[in-house]
Amino acid sequence: MYVGTLSFDLLLGDVRSLKEKRSVVRPIVAELHRKYAVSVAEVGDQDLHRRAVIGLAAVSGDMGHLTDLLDRCERWVAARPEVDLLSARRRFHGEHDD
């Protein structure tokens, strides 16, 4: 069993309030969950209206499949016109971890 996590540090476009931020972040979170069947949530910078940290996790029995899934999620977020992807941090945990 392999677990992969991916966190995105995002800069939001022309957002002036937390309410506007929610209208940008929620559809991204929902679409990642729907399209890729990953667990996903906003996990940081909730009090800043132009920044967001979104984290996701997935489990697979095949490391290659997991890597491909995280690659597709990262490309999808990077292609979103309403946000700038500042960084993406990836971690893998496998059966040989202590």
PDB file of N, CA and C in Angstrom:
ATOM      1  N   MET A   1       0.851  -1.179   0.000  1.00  0.00           N
ATOM      2  CA  MET A   1       0.000   0.000   0.000  1.00  0.00           C
ATOM      3  C   MET A   1       0.889   1.231   0.000  1.00  0.00           C
ATOM      4  N   TYR A   2       0.515   2.209  -0.824  1.00  0.00           N
ATOM      5  CA  TYR A   2       1.230   3.466  -0.910  1.00  0.00           C
ATOM      6  C   TYR A   2       0.247   4.611  -0.694  1.00  0.00           C
ATOM      7  N   VAL A   3       0.711   5.618   0.031  1.00  0.00           N
ATOM      8  CA  VAL A   3      -0.077   6.825   0.273  1.00  0.00           C
ATOM      9  C   VAL A   3       0.719   7.993  -0.285  1.00  0.00           C
ATOM     10  N   GLY A   4       0.060   8.800  -1.076  1.00  0.00           N
ATOM     11  CA  GLY A   4       0.693   9.987  -1.627  1.00  0.00           C
ATOM     12  C   GLY A   4      -0.056  11.223  -1.177  1.00  0.00           C
ATOM     13  N   THR A   5       0.698  12.243  -0.806  1.00  0.00           N
ATOM     14  CA  THR A   5       0.084  13.518  -0.453  1.00  0.00           C
ATOM     15  C   THR A   5       0.672  14.606  -1.330  1.00  0.00           C
ATOM     16  N   LEU A   6      -0.126  15.612  -1.563  1.00  0.00           N
ATOM     17  CA  LEU A   6       0.274  16.720  -2.409  1.00  0.00           C
ATOM     18  C   LEU A   6      -0.339  17.982  -1.837  1.00  0.00           C
ATOM     19  N   SER A   7       0.473  19.004  -1.638  1.00  0.00           N
ATOM     20  CA  SER A   7      -0.077  20.276  -1.153  1.00  0.00           C
ATOM     21  C   SER A   7       0.296  21.374  -2.140  1.00  0.00           C
ATOM     22  N   PHE A   8      -0.649  22.247  -2.382  1.00  0.00           N
ATOM     23  CA  PHE A   8      -0.493  23.344  -3.323  1.00  0.00           C
ATOM     24  C   PHE A   8      -0.524  24.662  -2.574  1.00  0.00           C
ATOM     25  N   ASP A   9       0.442  25.512  -2.814  1.00  0.00           N
ATOM     26  CA  ASP A   9       0.431  26.884  -2.312  1.00  0.00           C
ATOM     27  C   ASP A   9      -0.033  27.743  -3.473  1.00  0.00           C
ATOM     28  N   LEU A  10      -1.190  28.368  -3.307  1.00  0.00           N
ATOM     29  CA  LEU A  10      -1.816  29.103  -4.401  1.00  0.00           C
ATOM     30  C   LEU A  10      -1.908  30.590  -4.108  1.00  0.00           C
ATOM     31  N   LEU A  11      -1.694  31.385  -5.135  1.00  0.00           N
ATOM     32  CA  LEU A  11      -1.959  32.817  -5.098  1.00  0.00           C
ATOM     33  C   LEU A  11      -3.223  33.033  -5.915  1.00  0.00           C
ATOM     34  N   LEU A  12      -4.238  33.607  -5.285  1.00  0.00           N
ATOM     35  CA  LEU A  12      -5.515  33.820  -5.960  1.00  0.00           C
ATOM     36  C   LEU A  12      -5.483  35.136  -6.697  1.00  0.00           C
ATOM     37  N   GLY A  13      -6.228  35.218  -7.773  1.00  0.00           N
ATOM     38  CA  GLY A  13      -6.258  36.419  -8.611  1.00  0.00           C
ATOM     39  C   GLY A  13      -6.904  37.598  -7.919  1.00  0.00           C
ATOM     40  N   ASP A  14      -7.818  38.227  -8.570  1.00  0.00           N
ATOM     41  CA  ASP A  14      -8.462  39.447  -8.081  1.00  0.00           C
ATOM     42  C   ASP A  14      -9.521  39.099  -7.036  1.00  0.00           C
ATOM     43  N   VAL A  15      -9.059  38.779  -5.826  1.00  0.00           N
ATOM     44  CA  VAL A  15      -9.940  38.404  -4.725  1.00  0.00           C
ATOM     45  C   VAL A  15      -9.781  39.438  -3.629  1.00  0.00           C
ATOM     46  N   ARG A  16     -10.896  40.005  -3.181  1.00  0.00           N
ATOM     47  CA  ARG A  16     -10.840  41.092  -2.197  1.00  0.00           C
ATOM     48  C   ARG A  16     -11.452  40.742  -0.843  1.00  0.00           C
ATOM     49  N   SER A  17     -11.982  39.540  -0.716  1.00  0.00           N
ATOM     50  CA  SER A  17     -12.606  39.155   0.557  1.00  0.00           C
ATOM     51  C   SER A  17     -12.524  37.645   0.731  1.00  0.00           C
ATOM     52  N   LEU A  18     -12.777  37.207   1.957  1.00  0.00           N
ATOM     53  CA  LEU A  18     -12.795  35.770   2.218  1.00  0.00           C
ATOM     54  C   LEU A  18     -13.964  35.093   1.505  1.00  0.00           C
ATOM     55  N   LYS A  19     -15.050  35.825   1.325  1.00  0.00           N
ATOM     56  CA  LYS A  19     -16.198  35.280   0.607  1.00  0.00           C
ATOM     57  C   LYS A  19     -15.837  35.016  -0.866  1.00  0.00           C
ATOM     58  N   GLU A  20     -15.137  35.954  -1.485  1.00  0.00           N
ATOM     59  CA  GLU A  20     -14.684  35.753  -2.864  1.00  0.00           C
ATOM     60  C   GLU A  20     -13.679  34.612  -2.936  1.00  0.00           C
ATOM     61  N   LYS A  21     -12.827  34.512  -1.913  1.00  0.00           N
ATOM     62  CA  LYS A  21     -11.858  33.421  -1.868  1.00  0.00           C
ATOM     63  C   LYS A  21     -12.576  32.079  -1.876  1.00  0.00           C
ATOM     64  N   ARG A  22     -13.606  31.932  -1.051  1.00  0.00           N
ATOM     65  CA  ARG A  22     -14.368  30.676  -1.015  1.00  0.00           C
ATOM     66  C   ARG A  22     -14.957  30.340  -2.383  1.00  0.00           C
ATOM     67  N   SER A  23     -15.379  31.358  -3.114  1.00  0.00           N
ATOM     68  CA  SER A  23     -15.982  31.113  -4.425  1.00  0.00           C
ATOM     69  C   SER A  23     -14.950  30.637  -5.454  1.00  0.00           C
ATOM     70  N   VAL A  24     -13.672  30.831  -5.176  1.00  0.00           N
ATOM     71  CA  VAL A  24     -12.607  30.323  -6.041  1.00  0.00           C
ATOM     72  C   VAL A  24     -12.120  28.959  -5.559  1.00  0.00           C
ATOM     73  N   VAL A  25     -11.908  28.830  -4.256  1.00  0.00           N
ATOM     74  CA  VAL A  25     -11.295  27.618  -3.697  1.00  0.00           C
ATOM     75  C   VAL A  25     -12.259  26.433  -3.686  1.00  0.00           C
ATOM     76  N   ARG A  26     -13.491  26.643  -3.287  1.00  0.00           N
ATOM     77  CA  ARG A  26     -14.442  25.521  -3.186  1.00  0.00           C
ATOM     78  C   ARG A  26     -14.627  24.760  -4.498  1.00  0.00           C
ATOM     79  N   PRO A  27     -14.787  25.431  -5.635  1.00  0.00           N
ATOM     80  CA  PRO A  27     -14.924  24.667  -6.882  1.00  0.00           C
ATOM     81  C   PRO A  27     -13.673  23.859  -7.239  1.00  0.00           C
ATOM     82  N   ILE A  28     -12.491  24.364  -6.900  1.00  0.00           N
ATOM     83  CA  ILE A  28     -11.259  23.626  -7.166  1.00  0.00           C
ATOM     84  C   ILE A  28     -11.225  22.367  -6.315  1.00  0.00           C
ATOM     85  N   VAL A  29     -11.531  22.504  -5.030  1.00  0.00           N
ATOM     86  CA  VAL A  29     -11.554  21.363  -4.115  1.00  0.00           C
ATOM     87  C   VAL A  29     -12.590  20.335  -4.584  1.00  0.00           C
ATOM     88  N   ALA A  30     -13.771  20.794  -4.924  1.00  0.00           N
ATOM     89  CA  ALA A  30     -14.843  19.888  -5.346  1.00  0.00           C
ATOM     90  C   ALA A  30     -14.489  19.157  -6.636  1.00  0.00           C
ATOM     91  N   GLU A  31     -13.899  19.852  -7.574  1.00  0.00           N
ATOM     92  CA  GLU A  31     -13.578  19.230  -8.860  1.00  0.00           C
ATOM     93  C   GLU A  31     -12.431  18.222  -8.728  1.00  0.00           C
ATOM     94  N   LEU A  32     -11.431  18.524  -7.895  1.00  0.00           N
ATOM     95  CA  LEU A  32     -10.363  17.553  -7.651  1.00  0.00           C
ATOM     96  C   LEU A  32     -10.944  16.272  -7.055  1.00  0.00           C
ATOM     97  N   HIS A  33     -11.846  16.421  -6.103  1.00  0.00           N
ATOM     98  CA  HIS A  33     -12.478  15.256  -5.473  1.00  0.00           C
ATOM     99  C   HIS A  33     -13.314  14.472  -6.487  1.00  0.00           C
ATOM    100  N   ARG A  34     -14.105  15.181  -7.265  1.00  0.00           N
ATOM    101  CA  ARG A  34     -14.987  14.525  -8.224  1.00  0.00           C
ATOM    102  C   ARG A  34     -14.204  13.857  -9.362  1.00  0.00           C
ATOM    103  N   LYS A  35     -13.268  14.583  -9.926  1.00  0.00           N
ATOM    104  CA  LYS A  35     -12.576  14.119 -11.127  1.00  0.00           C
ATOM    105  C   LYS A  35     -11.529  13.049 -10.845  1.00  0.00           C
ATOM    106  N   TYR A  36     -10.836  13.157  -9.702  1.00  0.00           N
ATOM    107  CA  TYR A  36      -9.715  12.259  -9.431  1.00  0.00           C
ATOM    108  C   TYR A  36      -9.939  11.336  -8.231  1.00  0.00           C
ATOM    109  N   ALA A  37     -11.065  11.434  -7.549  1.00  0.00           N
ATOM    110  CA  ALA A  37     -11.403  10.574  -6.405  1.00  0.00           C
ATOM    111  C   ALA A  37     -10.323  10.606  -5.332  1.00  0.00           C
ATOM    112  N   VAL A  38      -9.851  11.798  -4.997  1.00  0.00           N
ATOM    113  CA  VAL A  38      -8.862  11.989  -3.939  1.00  0.00           C
ATOM    114  C   VAL A  38      -9.537  12.682  -2.757  1.00  0.00           C
ATOM    115  N   SER A  39      -8.929  12.543  -1.592  1.00  0.00           N
ATOM    116  CA  SER A  39      -9.371  13.313  -0.433  1.00  0.00           C
ATOM    117  C   SER A  39      -8.691  14.668  -0.529  1.00  0.00           C
ATOM    118  N   VAL A  40      -9.457  15.738  -0.410  1.00  0.00           N
ATOM    119  CA  VAL A  40      -8.900  17.069  -0.646  1.00  0.00           C
ATOM    120  C   VAL A  40      -9.605  18.097   0.223  1.00  0.00           C
ATOM    121  N   ALA A  41      -8.844  19.092   0.693  1.00  0.00           N
ATOM    122  CA  ALA A  41      -9.404  20.155   1.530  1.00  0.00           C
ATOM    123  C   ALA A  41      -8.478  21.361   1.502  1.00  0.00           C
ATOM    124  N   GLU A  42      -9.039  22.510   1.848  1.00  0.00           N
ATOM    125  CA  GLU A  42      -8.209  23.686   2.090  1.00  0.00           C
ATOM    126  C   GLU A  42      -7.588  23.483   3.469  1.00  0.00           C
ATOM    127  N   VAL A  43      -6.265  23.535   3.542  1.00  0.00           N
ATOM    128  CA  VAL A  43      -5.586  23.162   4.785  1.00  0.00           C
ATOM    129  C   VAL A  43      -4.714  24.266   5.375  1.00  0.00           C
ATOM    130  N   GLY A  44      -4.673  25.420   4.743  1.00  0.00           N
ATOM    131  CA  GLY A  44      -3.844  26.485   5.292  1.00  0.00           C
ATOM    132  C   GLY A  44      -4.200  27.837   4.718  1.00  0.00           C
ATOM    133  N   ASP A  45      -3.712  28.871   5.399  1.00  0.00           N
ATOM    134  CA  ASP A  45      -3.932  30.270   5.002  1.00  0.00           C
ATOM    135  C   ASP A  45      -5.412  30.623   4.880  1.00  0.00           C
ATOM    136  N   GLN A  46      -6.245  30.026   5.741  1.00  0.00           N
ATOM    137  CA  GLN A  46      -7.681  30.294   5.676  1.00  0.00           C
ATOM    138  C   GLN A  46      -8.033  31.741   5.976  1.00  0.00           C
ATOM    139  N   ASP A  47      -7.183  32.450   6.715  1.00  0.00           N
ATOM    140  CA  ASP A  47      -7.499  33.828   7.078  1.00  0.00           C
ATOM    141  C   ASP A  47      -6.938  34.855   6.094  1.00  0.00           C
ATOM    142  N   LEU A  48      -6.227  34.417   5.069  1.00  0.00           N
ATOM    143  CA  LEU A  48      -5.692  35.321   4.050  1.00  0.00           C
ATOM    144  C   LEU A  48      -6.558  35.234   2.803  1.00  0.00           C
ATOM    145  N   HIS A  49      -6.986  36.377   2.283  1.00  0.00           N
ATOM    146  CA  HIS A  49      -7.931  36.312   1.174  1.00  0.00           C
ATOM    147  C   HIS A  49      -7.283  36.116  -0.198  1.00  0.00           C
ATOM    148  N   ARG A  50      -5.970  36.290  -0.346  1.00  0.00           N
ATOM    149  CA  ARG A  50      -5.341  36.080  -1.656  1.00  0.00           C
ATOM    150  C   ARG A  50      -4.450  34.850  -1.711  1.00  0.00           C
ATOM    151  N   ARG A  51      -4.379  34.087  -0.622  1.00  0.00           N
ATOM    152  CA  ARG A  51      -3.553  32.884  -0.586  1.00  0.00           C
ATOM    153  C   ARG A  51      -4.395  31.702  -0.119  1.00  0.00           C
ATOM    154  N   ALA A  52      -4.024  30.526  -0.591  1.00  0.00           N
ATOM    155  CA  ALA A  52      -4.700  29.298  -0.154  1.00  0.00           C
ATOM    156  C   ALA A  52      -3.707  28.145  -0.218  1.00  0.00           C
ATOM    157  N   VAL A  53      -3.852  27.238   0.709  1.00  0.00           N
ATOM    158  CA  VAL A  53      -3.109  25.987   0.665  1.00  0.00           C
ATOM    159  C   VAL A  53      -4.143  24.866   0.591  1.00  0.00           C
ATOM    160  N   ILE A  54      -4.041  24.087  -0.466  1.00  0.00           N
ATOM    161  CA  ILE A  54      -4.939  22.955  -0.667  1.00  0.00           C
ATOM    162  C   ILE A  54      -4.100  21.685  -0.550  1.00  0.00           C
ATOM    163  N   GLY A  55      -4.602  20.745   0.233  1.00  0.00           N
ATOM    164  CA  GLY A  55      -3.915  19.469   0.396  1.00  0.00           C
ATOM    165  C   GLY A  55      -4.783  18.331  -0.094  1.00  0.00           C
ATOM    166  N   LEU A  56      -4.123  17.321  -0.670  1.00  0.00           N
ATOM    167  CA  LEU A  56      -4.874  16.147  -1.096  1.00  0.00           C
ATOM    168  C   LEU A  56      -4.084  14.893  -0.768  1.00  0.00           C
ATOM    169  N   ALA A  57      -4.798  13.786  -0.670  1.00  0.00           N
ATOM    170  CA  ALA A  57      -4.187  12.498  -0.377  1.00  0.00           C
ATOM    171  C   ALA A  57      -4.883  11.410  -1.185  1.00  0.00           C
ATOM    172  N   ALA A  58      -4.093  10.403  -1.536  1.00  0.00           N
ATOM    173  CA  ALA A  58      -4.622   9.265  -2.275  1.00  0.00           C
ATOM    174  C   ALA A  58      -3.894   7.999  -1.829  1.00  0.00           C
ATOM    175  N   VAL A  59      -4.574   6.872  -1.940  1.00  0.00           N
ATOM    176  CA  VAL A  59      -4.020   5.573  -1.569  1.00  0.00           C
ATOM    177  C   VAL A  59      -4.104   4.665  -2.788  1.00  0.00           C
ATOM    178  N   SER A  60      -3.025   3.889  -3.003  1.00  0.00           N
ATOM    179  CA  SER A  60      -3.016   2.953  -4.124  1.00  0.00           C
ATOM    180  C   SER A  60      -2.122   1.767  -3.788  1.00  0.00           C
ATOM    181  N   GLY A  61      -2.359   0.677  -4.437  1.00  0.00           N
ATOM    182  CA  GLY A  61      -1.504  -0.492  -4.302  1.00  0.00           C
ATOM    183  C   GLY A  61      -0.330  -0.465  -5.262  1.00  0.00           C
ATOM    184  N   ASP A  62      -0.331   0.500  -6.181  1.00  0.00           N
ATOM    185  CA  ASP A  62       0.703   0.593  -7.208  1.00  0.00           C
ATOM    186  C   ASP A  62       1.329   1.976  -7.190  1.00  0.00           C
ATOM    187  N   MET A  63       2.627   2.053  -6.964  1.00  0.00           N
ATOM    188  CA  MET A  63       3.324   3.337  -6.882  1.00  0.00           C
ATOM    189  C   MET A  63       3.254   4.110  -8.204  1.00  0.00           C
ATOM    190  N   GLY A  64       3.330   3.414  -9.316  1.00  0.00           N
ATOM    191  CA  GLY A  64       3.245   4.072 -10.618  1.00  0.00           C
ATOM    192  C   GLY A  64       1.899   4.745 -10.830  1.00  0.00           C
ATOM    193  N   HIS A  65       0.836   4.063 -10.450  1.00  0.00           N
ATOM    194  CA  HIS A  65      -0.506   4.640 -10.569  1.00  0.00           C
ATOM    195  C   HIS A  65      -0.631   5.874  -9.683  1.00  0.00           C
ATOM    196  N   LEU A  66      -0.110   5.786  -8.475  1.00  0.00           N
ATOM    197  CA  LEU A  66      -0.191   6.903  -7.535  1.00  0.00           C
ATOM    198  C   LEU A  66       0.576   8.111  -8.055  1.00  0.00           C
ATOM    199  N   THR A  67       1.760   7.894  -8.587  1.00  0.00           N
ATOM    200  CA  THR A  67       2.563   8.982  -9.149  1.00  0.00           C
ATOM    201  C   THR A  67       1.840   9.637 -10.314  1.00  0.00           C
ATOM    202  N   ASP A  68       1.248   8.830 -11.186  1.00  0.00           N
ATOM    203  CA  ASP A  68       0.496   9.355 -12.323  1.00  0.00           C
ATOM    204  C   ASP A  68      -0.707  10.180 -11.860  1.00  0.00           C
ATOM    205  N   LEU A  69      -1.410   9.698 -10.853  1.00  0.00           N
ATOM    206  CA  LEU A  69      -2.571  10.415 -10.323  1.00  0.00           C
ATOM    207  C   LEU A  69      -2.164  11.782  -9.766  1.00  0.00           C
ATOM    208  N   LEU A  70      -1.101  11.825  -8.969  1.00  0.00           N
ATOM    209  CA  LEU A  70      -0.652  13.105  -8.410  1.00  0.00           C
ATOM    210  C   LEU A  70      -0.156  14.044  -9.506  1.00  0.00           C
ATOM    211  N   ASP A  71       0.497  13.499 -10.529  1.00  0.00           N
ATOM    212  CA  ASP A  71       0.924  14.318 -11.677  1.00  0.00           C
ATOM    213  C   ASP A  71      -0.277  14.962 -12.357  1.00  0.00           C
ATOM    214  N   ARG A  72      -1.337  14.180 -12.575  1.00  0.00           N
ATOM    215  CA  ARG A  72      -2.530  14.716 -13.234  1.00  0.00           C
ATOM    216  C   ARG A  72      -3.203  15.791 -12.385  1.00  0.00           C
ATOM    217  N   CYS A  73      -3.264  15.577 -11.073  1.00  0.00           N
ATOM    218  CA  CYS A  73      -3.843  16.591 -10.182  1.00  0.00           C
ATOM    219  C   CYS A  73      -3.033  17.878 -10.230  1.00  0.00           C
ATOM    220  N   GLU A  74      -1.719  17.749 -10.194  1.00  0.00           N
ATOM    221  CA  GLU A  74      -0.867  18.947 -10.221  1.00  0.00           C
ATOM    222  C   GLU A  74      -1.011  19.707 -11.538  1.00  0.00           C
ATOM    223  N   ARG A  75      -1.037  18.991 -12.648  1.00  0.00           N
ATOM    224  CA  ARG A  75      -1.214  19.658 -13.948  1.00  0.00           C
ATOM    225  C   ARG A  75      -2.560  20.361 -14.024  1.00  0.00           C
ATOM    226  N   TRP A  76      -3.602  19.721 -13.484  1.00  0.00           N
ATOM    227  CA  TRP A  76      -4.942  20.316 -13.526  1.00  0.00           C
ATOM    228  C   TRP A  76      -4.972  21.618 -12.732  1.00  0.00           C
ATOM    229  N   VAL A  77      -4.391  21.616 -11.524  1.00  0.00           N
ATOM    230  CA  VAL A  77      -4.374  22.842 -10.705  1.00  0.00           C
ATOM    231  C   VAL A  77      -3.519  23.914 -11.375  1.00  0.00           C
ATOM    232  N   ALA A  78      -2.375  23.538 -11.922  1.00  0.00           N
ATOM    233  CA  ALA A  78      -1.486  24.509 -12.571  1.00  0.00           C
ATOM    234  C   ALA A  78      -2.155  25.171 -13.777  1.00  0.00           C
ATOM    235  N   ALA A  79      -3.081  24.491 -14.407  1.00  0.00           N
ATOM    236  CA  ALA A  79      -3.759  25.025 -15.591  1.00  0.00           C
ATOM    237  C   ALA A  79      -4.943  25.932 -15.257  1.00  0.00           C
ATOM    238  N   ARG A  80      -5.321  26.029 -13.971  1.00  0.00           N
ATOM    239  CA  ARG A  80      -6.460  26.857 -13.596  1.00  0.00           C
ATOM    240  C   ARG A  80      -6.114  28.324 -13.813  1.00  0.00           C
ATOM    241  N   PRO A  81      -6.906  29.056 -14.583  1.00  0.00           N
ATOM    242  CA  PRO A  81      -6.587  30.460 -14.865  1.00  0.00           C
ATOM    243  C   PRO A  81      -6.838  31.400 -13.687  1.00  0.00           C
ATOM    244  N   GLU A  82      -7.664  30.984 -12.720  1.00  0.00           N
ATOM    245  CA  GLU A  82      -8.013  31.871 -11.613  1.00  0.00           C
ATOM    246  C   GLU A  82      -6.998  31.846 -10.472  1.00  0.00           C
ATOM    247  N   VAL A  83      -5.993  30.959 -10.554  1.00  0.00           N
ATOM    248  CA  VAL A  83      -4.972  30.875  -9.508  1.00  0.00           C
ATOM    249  C   VAL A  83      -3.590  30.758 -10.137  1.00  0.00           C
ATOM    250  N   ASP A  84      -2.587  31.161  -9.360  1.00  0.00           N
ATOM    251  CA  ASP A  84      -1.193  30.918  -9.733  1.00  0.00           C
ATOM    252  C   ASP A  84      -0.644  29.888  -8.759  1.00  0.00           C
ATOM    253  N   LEU A  85      -0.104  28.810  -9.281  1.00  0.00           N
ATOM    254  CA  LEU A  85       0.489  27.766  -8.453  1.00  0.00           C
ATOM    255  C   LEU A  85       1.903  28.212  -8.078  1.00  0.00           C
ATOM    256  N   LEU A  86       2.090  28.569  -6.800  1.00  0.00           N
ATOM    257  CA  LEU A  86       3.393  29.020  -6.337  1.00  0.00           C
ATOM    258  C   LEU A  86       4.318  27.849  -6.055  1.00  0.00           C
ATOM    259  N   SER A  87       3.785  26.786  -5.469  1.00  0.00           N
ATOM    260  CA  SER A  87       4.587  25.595  -5.220  1.00  0.00           C
ATOM    261  C   SER A  87       3.671  24.397  -5.007  1.00  0.00           C
ATOM    262  N   ALA A  88       4.240  23.232  -5.233  1.00  0.00           N
ATOM    263  CA  ALA A  88       3.555  21.970  -4.974  1.00  0.00           C
ATOM    264  C   ALA A  88       4.543  21.083  -4.231  1.00  0.00           C
ATOM    265  N   ARG A  89       4.093  20.520  -3.133  1.00  0.00           N
ATOM    266  CA  ARG A  89       4.944  19.655  -2.321  1.00  0.00           C
ATOM    267  C   ARG A  89       4.333  18.266  -2.285  1.00  0.00           C
ATOM    268  N   ARG A  90       5.143  17.283  -2.599  1.00  0.00           N
ATOM    269  CA  ARG A  90       4.686  15.914  -2.739  1.00  0.00           C
ATOM    270  C   ARG A  90       5.414  15.017  -1.733  1.00  0.00           C
ATOM    271  N   ARG A  91       4.672  14.092  -1.161  1.00  0.00           N
ATOM    272  CA  ARG A  91       5.264  13.099  -0.261  1.00  0.00           C
ATOM    273  C   ARG A  91       4.634  11.738  -0.530  1.00  0.00           C
ATOM    274  N   PHE A  92       5.465  10.711  -0.407  1.00  0.00           N
ATOM    275  CA  PHE A  92       4.992   9.341  -0.554  1.00  0.00           C
ATOM    276  C   PHE A  92       5.319   8.565   0.699  1.00  0.00           C
ATOM    277  N   HIS A  93       4.421   7.695   1.078  1.00  0.00           N
ATOM    278  CA  HIS A  93       4.613   6.806   2.219  1.00  0.00           C
ATOM    279  C   HIS A  93       4.285   5.399   1.722  1.00  0.00           C
ATOM    280  N   GLY A  94       5.213   4.466   1.995  1.00  0.00           N
ATOM    281  CA  GLY A  94       5.005   3.108   1.498  1.00  0.00           C
ATOM    282  C   GLY A  94       5.182   2.078   2.575  1.00  0.00           C
ATOM    283  N   GLU A  95       5.099   0.844   2.158  1.00  0.00           N
ATOM    284  CA  GLU A  95       5.155  -0.264   3.094  1.00  0.00           C
ATOM    285  C   GLU A  95       6.512  -0.418   3.772  1.00  0.00           C
ATOM    286  N   HIS A  96       7.541   0.212   3.228  1.00  0.00           N
ATOM    287  CA  HIS A  96       8.881   0.100   3.806  1.00  0.00           C
ATOM    288  C   HIS A  96       9.222   1.264   4.717  1.00  0.00           C
ATOM    289  N   ASP A  97       8.290   2.185   4.943  1.00  0.00           N
ATOM    290  CA  ASP A  97       8.516   3.299   5.877  1.00  0.00           C
ATOM    291  C   ASP A  97       8.462   2.787   7.304  1.00  0.00           C
ATOM    292  N   ASP A  98       9.211   3.450   8.157  1.00  0.00           N
ATOM    293  CA  ASP A  98       9.188   3.081   9.588  1.00  0.00           C
ATOM    294  C   ASP A  98       8.054   3.737  10.304  1.00  0.00           C
TER     295      ASP A  98
END
